[in-house]
PDB file of all heavy atoms in Angstrom:
ATOM      1  N   ARG A   1       0.855  -1.144  -0.014  1.00  0.00           N
ATOM      2  CA  ARG A   1       0.033   0.015  -0.092  1.00  0.00           C
ATOM      3  C   ARG A   1       0.895   1.212   0.030  1.00  0.00           C
ATOM      4  O   ARG A   1       1.893   1.227   0.710  1.00  0.00           O
ATOM      5  CB  ARG A   1      -0.850   0.084   1.201  1.00  0.00           C
ATOM      6  CG  ARG A   1      -1.784  -1.225   1.200  1.00  0.00           C
ATOM      7  CD  ARG A   1      -3.175  -1.016   1.864  1.00  0.00           C
ATOM      8  NE  ARG A   1      -3.905   0.090   1.734  1.00  0.00           N
ATOM      9  CZ  ARG A   1      -5.005   0.168   2.407  1.00  0.00           C
ATOM     10  NH1 ARG A   1      -5.478  -0.811   3.241  1.00  0.00           N
ATOM     11  NH2 ARG A   1      -5.773   1.311   2.299  1.00  0.00           N
ATOM     12  N   LYS A   2       0.550   2.094  -0.875  1.00  0.00           N
ATOM     13  CA  LYS A   2       1.349   3.423  -0.948  1.00  0.00           C
ATOM     14  C   LYS A   2       0.580   4.376  -0.016  1.00  0.00           C
ATOM     15  O   LYS A   2      -0.551   4.693  -0.279  1.00  0.00           O
ATOM     16  CB  LYS A   2       1.441   3.916  -2.379  1.00  0.00           C
ATOM     17  CG  LYS A   2       2.279   3.064  -3.187  1.00  0.00           C
ATOM     18  CD  LYS A   2       2.355   3.571  -4.617  1.00  0.00           C
ATOM     19  CE  LYS A   2       3.283   2.739  -5.464  1.00  0.00           C
ATOM     20  NZ  LYS A   2       3.307   3.235  -6.843  1.00  0.00           N
ATOM     21  N   LEU A   3       1.183   4.890   0.908  1.00  0.00           N
ATOM     22  CA  LEU A   3       0.617   5.958   1.860  1.00  0.00           C
ATOM     23  C   LEU A   3       1.035   7.291   1.404  1.00  0.00           C
ATOM     24  O   LEU A   3       2.254   7.609   1.159  1.00  0.00           O
ATOM     25  CB  LEU A   3       0.967   5.735   3.319  1.00  0.00           C
ATOM     26  CG  LEU A   3       0.831   4.296   3.887  1.00  0.00           C
ATOM     27  CD1 LEU A   3       1.198   4.256   5.310  1.00  0.00           C
ATOM     28  CD2 LEU A   3      -0.660   3.816   3.585  1.00  0.00           C
ATOM     29  N   GLU A   4       0.101   8.192   1.211  1.00  0.00           N
ATOM     30  CA  GLU A   4       0.366   9.542   0.640  1.00  0.00           C
ATOM     31  C   GLU A   4       0.067  10.608   1.751  1.00  0.00           C
ATOM     32  O   GLU A   4      -0.763  10.420   2.628  1.00  0.00           O
ATOM     33  CB  GLU A   4      -0.627   9.879  -0.429  1.00  0.00           C
ATOM     34  CG  GLU A   4      -0.443   8.884  -1.599  1.00  0.00           C
ATOM     35  CD  GLU A   4      -1.360   9.084  -2.772  1.00  0.00           C
ATOM     36  OE1 GLU A   4      -2.446   9.746  -2.593  1.00  0.00           O
ATOM     37  OE2 GLU A   4      -1.166   8.495  -3.797  1.00  0.00           O
ATOM     38  N   CYS A   5       0.763  11.703   1.691  1.00  0.00           N
ATOM     39  CA  CYS A   5       0.666  12.817   2.667  1.00  0.00           C
ATOM     40  C   CYS A   5      -0.791  13.463   2.407  1.00  0.00           C
ATOM     41  O   CYS A   5      -1.205  13.576   1.321  1.00  0.00           O
ATOM     42  CB  CYS A   5       1.641  13.885   2.422  1.00  0.00           C
ATOM     43  SG  CYS A   5       3.296  13.292   2.934  1.00  0.00           S
ATOM     44  N   GLU A   6      -1.448  13.598   3.470  1.00  0.00           N
ATOM     45  CA  GLU A   6      -2.825  14.253   3.459  1.00  0.00           C
ATOM     46  C   GLU A   6      -2.829  15.734   3.226  1.00  0.00           C
ATOM     47  O   GLU A   6      -3.763  16.286   2.748  1.00  0.00           O
ATOM     48  CB  GLU A   6      -3.640  13.927   4.621  1.00  0.00           C
ATOM     49  CG  GLU A   6      -3.851  12.382   4.759  1.00  0.00           C
ATOM     50  CD  GLU A   6      -4.598  11.992   6.064  1.00  0.00           C
ATOM     51  OE1 GLU A   6      -5.019  12.886   6.830  1.00  0.00           O
ATOM     52  OE2 GLU A   6      -4.771  10.775   6.280  1.00  0.00           O
ATOM     53  N   VAL A   7      -1.667  16.326   3.552  1.00  0.00           N
ATOM     54  CA  VAL A   7      -1.641  17.774   3.492  1.00  0.00           C
ATOM     55  C   VAL A   7      -0.146  18.192   2.994  1.00  0.00           C
ATOM     56  O   VAL A   7       0.790  17.390   3.148  1.00  0.00           O
ATOM     57  CB  VAL A   7      -1.742  18.468   4.839  1.00  0.00           C
ATOM     58  CG1 VAL A   7      -3.238  18.235   5.330  1.00  0.00           C
ATOM     59  CG2 VAL A   7      -0.863  18.020   5.921  1.00  0.00           C
ATOM     60  N   ALA A   8       0.012  19.384   2.565  1.00  0.00           N
ATOM     61  CA  ALA A   8       1.276  19.928   2.138  1.00  0.00           C
ATOM     62  C   ALA A   8       1.969  20.360   3.494  1.00  0.00           C
ATOM     63  O   ALA A   8       1.280  20.886   4.372  1.00  0.00           O
ATOM     64  CB  ALA A   8       1.117  20.993   1.190  1.00  0.00           C
ATOM     65  N   GLY A   9       3.270  20.188   3.586  1.00  0.00           N
ATOM     66  CA  GLY A   9       3.943  20.719   4.786  1.00  0.00           C
ATOM     67  C   GLY A   9       5.336  20.247   4.828  1.00  0.00           C
ATOM     68  O   GLY A   9       5.983  19.911   3.834  1.00  0.00           O
ATOM     69  N   LYS A  10       5.844  20.051   6.036  1.00  0.00           N
ATOM     70  CA  LYS A  10       7.229  19.730   6.316  1.00  0.00           C
ATOM     71  C   LYS A  10       7.239  18.541   7.222  1.00  0.00           C
ATOM     72  O   LYS A  10       6.502  18.441   8.209  1.00  0.00           O
ATOM     73  CB  LYS A  10       7.960  20.857   7.003  1.00  0.00           C
ATOM     74  CG  LYS A  10       9.374  20.742   7.185  1.00  0.00           C
ATOM     75  CD  LYS A  10      10.011  21.948   7.745  1.00  0.00           C
ATOM     76  CE  LYS A  10      11.513  21.825   7.840  1.00  0.00           C
ATOM     77  NZ  LYS A  10      12.110  23.118   8.328  1.00  0.00           N
ATOM     78  N   ILE A  11       8.116  17.470   6.850  1.00  0.00           N
ATOM     79  CA  ILE A  11       8.235  16.306   7.707  1.00  0.00           C
ATOM     80  C   ILE A  11       8.920  16.676   8.966  1.00  0.00           C
ATOM     81  O   ILE A  11      10.069  17.089   9.020  1.00  0.00           O
ATOM     82  CB  ILE A  11       8.986  15.192   7.046  1.00  0.00           C
ATOM     83  CG1 ILE A  11       8.325  14.852   5.615  1.00  0.00           C
ATOM     84  CG2 ILE A  11       9.148  13.967   7.906  1.00  0.00           C
ATOM     85  CD1 ILE A  11       6.964  14.299   5.744  1.00  0.00           C
ATOM     86  N   MET A  12       8.171  16.572  10.114  1.00  0.00           N
ATOM     87  CA  MET A  12       8.812  16.952  11.498  1.00  0.00           C
ATOM     88  C   MET A  12       9.563  15.779  12.017  1.00  0.00           C
ATOM     89  O   MET A  12      10.614  15.932  12.601  1.00  0.00           O
ATOM     90  CB  MET A  12       7.687  17.319  12.409  1.00  0.00           C
ATOM     91  CG  MET A  12       7.267  18.733  12.404  1.00  0.00           C
ATOM     92  SD  MET A  12       6.168  19.071  13.711  1.00  0.00           S
ATOM     93  CE  MET A  12       7.187  18.804  15.177  1.00  0.00           C
ATOM     94  N   ARG A  13       8.882  14.589  11.928  1.00  0.00           N
ATOM     95  CA  ARG A  13       9.484  13.500  12.585  1.00  0.00           C
ATOM     96  C   ARG A  13       9.003  12.137  11.944  1.00  0.00           C
ATOM     97  O   ARG A  13       7.900  12.077  11.546  1.00  0.00           O
ATOM     98  CB  ARG A  13       8.923  13.488  14.115  1.00  0.00           C
ATOM     99  CG  ARG A  13       9.504  12.487  15.015  1.00  0.00           C
ATOM    100  CD  ARG A  13       9.062  12.763  16.482  1.00  0.00           C
ATOM    101  NE  ARG A  13       7.682  12.825  16.713  1.00  0.00           N
ATOM    102  CZ  ARG A  13       6.945  13.912  17.022  1.00  0.00           C
ATOM    103  NH1 ARG A  13       7.561  15.140  16.988  1.00  0.00           N
ATOM    104  NH2 ARG A  13       5.655  13.879  17.234  1.00  0.00           N
ATOM    105  N   ILE A  14       9.939  11.240  11.859  1.00  0.00           N
ATOM    106  CA  ILE A  14       9.672   9.867  11.391  1.00  0.00           C
ATOM    107  C   ILE A  14       9.650   8.948  12.594  1.00  0.00           C
ATOM    108  O   ILE A  14      10.711   8.963  13.392  1.00  0.00           O
ATOM    109  CB  ILE A  14      10.701   9.433  10.379  1.00  0.00           C
ATOM    110  CG1 ILE A  14      10.607  10.297   9.018  1.00  0.00           C
ATOM    111  CG2 ILE A  14      10.506   7.980   9.960  1.00  0.00           C
ATOM    112  CD1 ILE A  14      11.589  10.081   8.047  1.00  0.00           C
ATOM    113  N   GLU A  15       8.464   8.313  12.752  1.00  0.00           N
ATOM    114  CA  GLU A  15       8.282   7.569  14.081  1.00  0.00           C
ATOM    115  C   GLU A  15       8.438   6.033  13.822  1.00  0.00           C
ATOM    116  O   GLU A  15       8.509   5.242  14.860  1.00  0.00           O
ATOM    117  CB  GLU A  15       6.868   7.940  14.625  1.00  0.00           C
ATOM    118  CG  GLU A  15       6.779   9.328  14.945  1.00  0.00           C
ATOM    119  CD  GLU A  15       5.582   9.707  15.773  1.00  0.00           C
ATOM    120  OE1 GLU A  15       4.494   9.068  15.354  1.00  0.00           O
ATOM    121  OE2 GLU A  15       5.604  10.505  16.670  1.00  0.00           O
ATOM    122  N   ALA A  16       8.509   5.603  12.647  1.00  0.00           N
ATOM    123  CA  ALA A  16       8.658   4.139  12.476  1.00  0.00           C
ATOM    124  C   ALA A  16       9.809   3.916  11.387  1.00  0.00           C
ATOM    125  O   ALA A  16       9.740   4.530  10.321  1.00  0.00           O
ATOM    126  CB  ALA A  16       7.320   3.451  11.936  1.00  0.00           C
ATOM    127  N   ALA A  17      10.666   3.042  11.564  1.00  0.00           N
ATOM    128  CA  ALA A  17      11.732   2.755  10.597  1.00  0.00           C
ATOM    129  C   ALA A  17      11.278   1.700   9.619  1.00  0.00           C
ATOM    130  O   ALA A  17      10.354   0.959   9.756  1.00  0.00           O
ATOM    131  CB  ALA A  17      13.064   2.266  11.483  1.00  0.00           C
ATOM    132  N   VAL A  18      12.144   1.643   8.563  1.00  0.00           N
ATOM    133  CA  VAL A  18      11.856   0.627   7.577  1.00  0.00           C
ATOM    134  C   VAL A  18      12.097  -0.681   8.297  1.00  0.00           C
ATOM    135  O   VAL A  18      13.069  -0.899   9.059  1.00  0.00           O
ATOM    136  CB  VAL A  18      12.847   0.823   6.367  1.00  0.00           C
ATOM    137  CG1 VAL A  18      12.776  -0.466   5.469  1.00  0.00           C
ATOM    138  CG2 VAL A  18      12.561   2.060   5.633  1.00  0.00           C
ATOM    139  N   GLY A  19      11.217  -1.700   8.025  1.00  0.00           N
ATOM    140  CA  GLY A  19      11.263  -2.983   8.699  1.00  0.00           C
ATOM    141  C   GLY A  19      10.390  -3.105   9.967  1.00  0.00           C
ATOM    142  O   GLY A  19      10.186  -4.223  10.507  1.00  0.00           O
ATOM    143  N   ALA A  20       9.954  -1.974  10.427  1.00  0.00           N
ATOM    144  CA  ALA A  20       9.121  -1.942  11.717  1.00  0.00           C
ATOM    145  C   ALA A  20       7.699  -2.466  11.353  1.00  0.00           C
ATOM    146  O   ALA A  20       7.111  -2.234  10.296  1.00  0.00           O
ATOM    147  CB  ALA A  20       8.999  -0.439  12.177  1.00  0.00           C
ATOM    148  N   ARG A  21       7.156  -3.256  12.269  1.00  0.00           N
ATOM    149  CA  ARG A  21       5.846  -3.747  12.243  1.00  0.00           C
ATOM    150  C   ARG A  21       4.881  -2.734  12.874  1.00  0.00           C
ATOM    151  O   ARG A  21       5.128  -2.225  13.889  1.00  0.00           O
ATOM    152  CB  ARG A  21       5.741  -5.103  12.968  1.00  0.00           C
ATOM    153  CG  ARG A  21       4.377  -5.703  12.974  1.00  0.00           C
ATOM    154  CD  ARG A  21       4.103  -6.602  11.791  1.00  0.00           C
ATOM    155  NE  ARG A  21       2.795  -7.168  11.985  1.00  0.00           N
ATOM    156  CZ  ARG A  21       1.997  -7.261  10.982  1.00  0.00           C
ATOM    157  NH1 ARG A  21       2.259  -7.036   9.719  1.00  0.00           N
ATOM    158  NH2 ARG A  21       0.815  -7.795  11.149  1.00  0.00           N
ATOM    159  N   VAL A  22       3.832  -2.373  12.124  1.00  0.00           N
ATOM    160  CA  VAL A  22       2.852  -1.374  12.651  1.00  0.00           C
ATOM    161  C   VAL A  22       1.531  -1.949  12.671  1.00  0.00           C
ATOM    162  O   VAL A  22       1.205  -2.845  11.792  1.00  0.00           O
ATOM    163  CB  VAL A  22       2.883  -0.057  11.864  1.00  0.00           C
ATOM    164  CG1 VAL A  22       4.266   0.661  12.024  1.00  0.00           C
ATOM    165  CG2 VAL A  22       2.684  -0.326  10.351  1.00  0.00           C
ATOM    166  N   GLU A  23       0.718  -1.487  13.578  1.00  0.00           N
ATOM    167  CA  GLU A  23      -0.751  -1.848  13.709  1.00  0.00           C
ATOM    168  C   GLU A  23      -1.588  -0.784  12.980  1.00  0.00           C
ATOM    169  O   GLU A  23      -1.080   0.371  12.817  1.00  0.00           O
ATOM    170  CB  GLU A  23      -1.148  -2.091  15.044  1.00  0.00           C
ATOM    171  CG  GLU A  23      -0.395  -3.183  15.811  1.00  0.00           C
ATOM    172  CD  GLU A  23      -0.515  -4.618  15.072  1.00  0.00           C
ATOM    173  OE1 GLU A  23      -1.735  -4.847  14.630  1.00  0.00           O
ATOM    174  OE2 GLU A  23       0.403  -5.355  15.041  1.00  0.00           O
ATOM    175  N   ALA A  24      -2.841  -1.008  12.717  1.00  0.00           N
ATOM    176  CA  ALA A  24      -3.696  -0.036  12.125  1.00  0.00           C
ATOM    177  C   ALA A  24      -3.743   1.134  13.113  1.00  0.00           C
ATOM    178  O   ALA A  24      -3.820   0.924  14.350  1.00  0.00           O
ATOM    179  CB  ALA A  24      -5.091  -0.649  11.934  1.00  0.00           C
ATOM    180  N   GLU A  25      -3.670   2.342  12.506  1.00  0.00           N
ATOM    181  CA  GLU A  25      -3.702   3.616  13.255  1.00  0.00           C
ATOM    182  C   GLU A  25      -2.483   4.032  13.965  1.00  0.00           C
ATOM    183  O   GLU A  25      -2.409   4.975  14.575  1.00  0.00           O
ATOM    184  CB  GLU A  25      -4.916   3.535  14.203  1.00  0.00           C
ATOM    185  CG  GLU A  25      -6.331   3.434  13.625  1.00  0.00           C
ATOM    186  CD  GLU A  25      -6.575   4.445  12.486  1.00  0.00           C
ATOM    187  OE1 GLU A  25      -6.364   5.599  12.617  1.00  0.00           O
ATOM    188  OE2 GLU A  25      -7.076   3.982  11.421  1.00  0.00           O
ATOM    189  N   ASP A  26      -1.396   3.203  13.869  1.00  0.00           N
ATOM    190  CA  ASP A  26      -0.092   3.580  14.360  1.00  0.00           C
ATOM    191  C   ASP A  26       0.540   4.775  13.507  1.00  0.00           C
ATOM    192  O   ASP A  26       0.401   4.764  12.332  1.00  0.00           O
ATOM    193  CB  ASP A  26       0.921   2.478  14.420  1.00  0.00           C
ATOM    194  CG  ASP A  26       0.761   1.420  15.444  1.00  0.00           C
ATOM    195  OD1 ASP A  26      -0.165   1.645  16.313  1.00  0.00           O
ATOM    196  OD2 ASP A  26       1.451   0.414  15.501  1.00  0.00           O
ATOM    197  N   SER A  27       1.107   5.734  14.088  1.00  0.00           N
ATOM    198  CA  SER A  27       1.580   6.812  13.453  1.00  0.00           C
ATOM    199  C   SER A  27       2.961   6.438  12.833  1.00  0.00           C
ATOM    200  O   SER A  27       3.765   5.798  13.542  1.00  0.00           O
ATOM    201  CB  SER A  27       1.748   7.986  14.421  1.00  0.00           C
ATOM    202  OG  SER A  27       2.467   9.031  13.832  1.00  0.00           O
ATOM    203  N   ILE A  28       3.165   6.696  11.674  1.00  0.00           N
ATOM    204  CA  ILE A  28       4.446   6.413  10.923  1.00  0.00           C
ATOM    205  C   ILE A  28       5.348   7.691  10.830  1.00  0.00           C
ATOM    206  O   ILE A  28       6.558   7.575  11.015  1.00  0.00           O
ATOM    207  CB  ILE A  28       4.178   5.804   9.593  1.00  0.00           C
ATOM    208  CG1 ILE A  28       3.418   4.517   9.764  1.00  0.00           C
ATOM    209  CG2 ILE A  28       5.525   5.616   8.775  1.00  0.00           C
ATOM    210  CD1 ILE A  28       2.987   3.887   8.382  1.00  0.00           C
ATOM    211  N   LEU A  29       4.711   8.839  10.507  1.00  0.00           N
ATOM    212  CA  LEU A  29       5.505  10.014  10.473  1.00  0.00           C
ATOM    213  C   LEU A  29       4.568  11.243  10.833  1.00  0.00           C
ATOM    214  O   LEU A  29       3.274  11.075  10.810  1.00  0.00           O
ATOM    215  CB  LEU A  29       6.227  10.207   9.113  1.00  0.00           C
ATOM    216  CG  LEU A  29       5.472  10.226   7.897  1.00  0.00           C
ATOM    217  CD1 LEU A  29       4.820  11.550   7.503  1.00  0.00           C
ATOM    218  CD2 LEU A  29       6.301   9.836   6.724  1.00  0.00           C
ATOM    219  N   ILE A  30       5.176  12.277  11.036  1.00  0.00           N
ATOM    220  CA  ILE A  30       4.362  13.494  11.475  1.00  0.00           C
ATOM    221  C   ILE A  30       4.710  14.664  10.462  1.00  0.00           C
ATOM    222  O   ILE A  30       5.917  14.961  10.174  1.00  0.00           O
ATOM    223  CB  ILE A  30       4.776  14.086  12.862  1.00  0.00           C
ATOM    224  CG1 ILE A  30       4.523  12.917  13.866  1.00  0.00           C
ATOM    225  CG2 ILE A  30       3.930  15.273  13.206  1.00  0.00           C
ATOM    226  CD1 ILE A  30       3.158  12.585  14.214  1.00  0.00           C
ATOM    227  N   VAL A  31       3.622  15.262   9.881  1.00  0.00           N
ATOM    228  CA  VAL A  31       3.841  16.394   8.954  1.00  0.00           C
ATOM    229  C   VAL A  31       3.337  17.641   9.696  1.00  0.00           C
ATOM    230  O   VAL A  31       2.319  17.627  10.280  1.00  0.00           O
ATOM    231  CB  VAL A  31       2.979  16.229   7.688  1.00  0.00           C
ATOM    232  CG1 VAL A  31       3.051  17.361   6.822  1.00  0.00           C
ATOM    233  CG2 VAL A  31       3.346  14.951   6.929  1.00  0.00           C
ATOM    234  N   GLU A  32       4.222  18.618   9.591  1.00  0.00           N
ATOM    235  CA  GLU A  32       3.816  20.060  10.214  1.00  0.00           C
ATOM    236  C   GLU A  32       3.198  20.808   9.038  1.00  0.00           C
ATOM    237  O   GLU A  32       3.832  21.006   8.056  1.00  0.00           O
ATOM    238  CB  GLU A  32       4.963  20.713  10.865  1.00  0.00           C
ATOM    239  CG  GLU A  32       4.574  22.076  11.392  1.00  0.00           C
ATOM    240  CD  GLU A  32       5.796  22.813  11.914  1.00  0.00           C
ATOM    241  OE1 GLU A  32       6.939  22.570  11.491  1.00  0.00           O
ATOM    242  OE2 GLU A  32       5.526  23.681  12.740  1.00  0.00           O
ATOM    243  N   SER A  33       1.958  21.249   9.318  1.00  0.00           N
ATOM    244  CA  SER A  33       1.299  22.120   8.369  1.00  0.00           C
ATOM    245  C   SER A  33       0.487  23.262   9.012  1.00  0.00           C
ATOM    246  O   SER A  33      -0.251  22.864   9.853  1.00  0.00           O
ATOM    247  CB  SER A  33       0.325  21.248   7.438  1.00  0.00           C
ATOM    248  OG  SER A  33      -0.312  22.012   6.482  1.00  0.00           O
ATOM    249  N   MET A  34       0.830  24.410   8.725  1.00  0.00           N
ATOM    250  CA  MET A  34       0.127  25.625   9.281  1.00  0.00           C
ATOM    251  C   MET A  34       0.272  25.444  10.882  1.00  0.00           C
ATOM    252  O   MET A  34      -0.788  25.703  11.486  1.00  0.00           O
ATOM    253  CB  MET A  34      -1.227  25.728   8.833  1.00  0.00           C
ATOM    254  CG  MET A  34      -1.323  26.008   7.277  1.00  0.00           C
ATOM    255  SD  MET A  34      -2.855  26.155   6.455  1.00  0.00           S
ATOM    256  CE  MET A  34      -4.119  26.038   7.625  1.00  0.00           C
ATOM    257  N   LYS A  35       1.370  25.144  11.386  1.00  0.00           N
ATOM    258  CA  LYS A  35       1.618  25.046  12.768  1.00  0.00           C
ATOM    259  C   LYS A  35       0.831  23.957  13.482  1.00  0.00           C
ATOM    260  O   LYS A  35       0.701  23.954  14.684  1.00  0.00           O
ATOM    261  CB  LYS A  35       1.416  26.359  13.484  1.00  0.00           C
ATOM    262  CG  LYS A  35       2.305  27.475  12.991  1.00  0.00           C
ATOM    263  CD  LYS A  35       2.079  28.753  13.711  1.00  0.00           C
ATOM    264  CE  LYS A  35       3.015  29.854  13.168  1.00  0.00           C
ATOM    265  NZ  LYS A  35       2.906  31.119  13.896  1.00  0.00           N
ATOM    266  N   MET A  36       0.378  22.978  12.746  1.00  0.00           N
ATOM    267  CA  MET A  36      -0.382  21.813  13.313  1.00  0.00           C
ATOM    268  C   MET A  36       0.445  20.605  12.945  1.00  0.00           C
ATOM    269  O   MET A  36       1.098  20.556  11.905  1.00  0.00           O
ATOM    270  CB  MET A  36      -1.704  21.708  12.631  1.00  0.00           C
ATOM    271  CG  MET A  36      -2.617  22.859  13.087  1.00  0.00           C
ATOM    272  SD  MET A  36      -4.332  22.759  12.282  1.00  0.00           S
ATOM    273  CE  MET A  36      -4.685  21.143  11.972  1.00  0.00           C
ATOM    274  N   GLU A  37       0.437  19.592  13.850  1.00  0.00           N
ATOM    275  CA  GLU A  37       1.055  18.341  13.600  1.00  0.00           C
ATOM    276  C   GLU A  37       0.115  17.314  13.157  1.00  0.00           C
ATOM    277  O   GLU A  37      -0.843  17.019  13.878  1.00  0.00           O
ATOM    278  CB  GLU A  37       1.819  17.889  14.813  1.00  0.00           C
ATOM    279  CG  GLU A  37       2.886  18.779  15.364  1.00  0.00           C
ATOM    280  CD  GLU A  37       3.659  18.241  16.556  1.00  0.00           C
ATOM    281  OE1 GLU A  37       3.394  17.128  17.008  1.00  0.00           O
ATOM    282  OE2 GLU A  37       4.464  19.072  17.068  1.00  0.00           O
ATOM    283  N   ILE A  38       0.252  16.815  11.944  1.00  0.00           N
ATOM    284  CA  ILE A  38      -0.709  15.867  11.305  1.00  0.00           C
ATOM    285  C   ILE A  38      -0.006  14.530  11.125  1.00  0.00           C
ATOM    286  O   ILE A  38       1.023  14.471  10.382  1.00  0.00           O
ATOM    287  CB  ILE A  38      -1.208  16.385   9.950  1.00  0.00           C
ATOM    288  CG1 ILE A  38      -1.605  17.711   9.939  1.00  0.00           C
ATOM    289  CG2 ILE A  38      -2.094  15.320   9.349  1.00  0.00           C
ATOM    290  CD1 ILE A  38      -2.315  18.747  10.082  1.00  0.00           C
ATOM    291  N   PRO A  39      -0.460  13.475  11.831  1.00  0.00           N
ATOM    292  CA  PRO A  39       0.161  12.157  11.681  1.00  0.00           C
ATOM    293  C   PRO A  39      -0.259  11.474  10.398  1.00  0.00           C
ATOM    294  O   PRO A  39      -1.345  11.594  10.049  1.00  0.00           O
ATOM    295  CB  PRO A  39      -0.329  11.398  12.892  1.00  0.00           C
ATOM    296  CG  PRO A  39      -1.620  12.018  13.237  1.00  0.00           C
ATOM    297  CD  PRO A  39      -1.556  13.446  12.864  1.00  0.00           C
ATOM    298  N   LEU A  40       0.729  10.743   9.773  1.00  0.00           N
ATOM    299  CA  LEU A  40       0.431   9.901   8.708  1.00  0.00           C
ATOM    300  C   LEU A  40       0.325   8.417   9.432  1.00  0.00           C
ATOM    301  O   LEU A  40       1.455   8.005   9.830  1.00  0.00           O
ATOM    302  CB  LEU A  40       1.424  10.001   7.559  1.00  0.00           C
ATOM    303  CG  LEU A  40       1.212   8.934   6.382  1.00  0.00           C
ATOM    304  CD1 LEU A  40      -0.070   9.248   5.691  1.00  0.00           C
ATOM    305  CD2 LEU A  40       2.390   8.989   5.448  1.00  0.00           C
TER     306      LEU A  40
END
């Protein structure tokens, strides 16, 4: 599955590394947009 950014912004933080197992709704990265933090 290709996950796409929902908003334009700047990547603040990557929270899961390549190879990491994630569950549904786990945050993989955080995008800062208009002073808000939006998780992918």
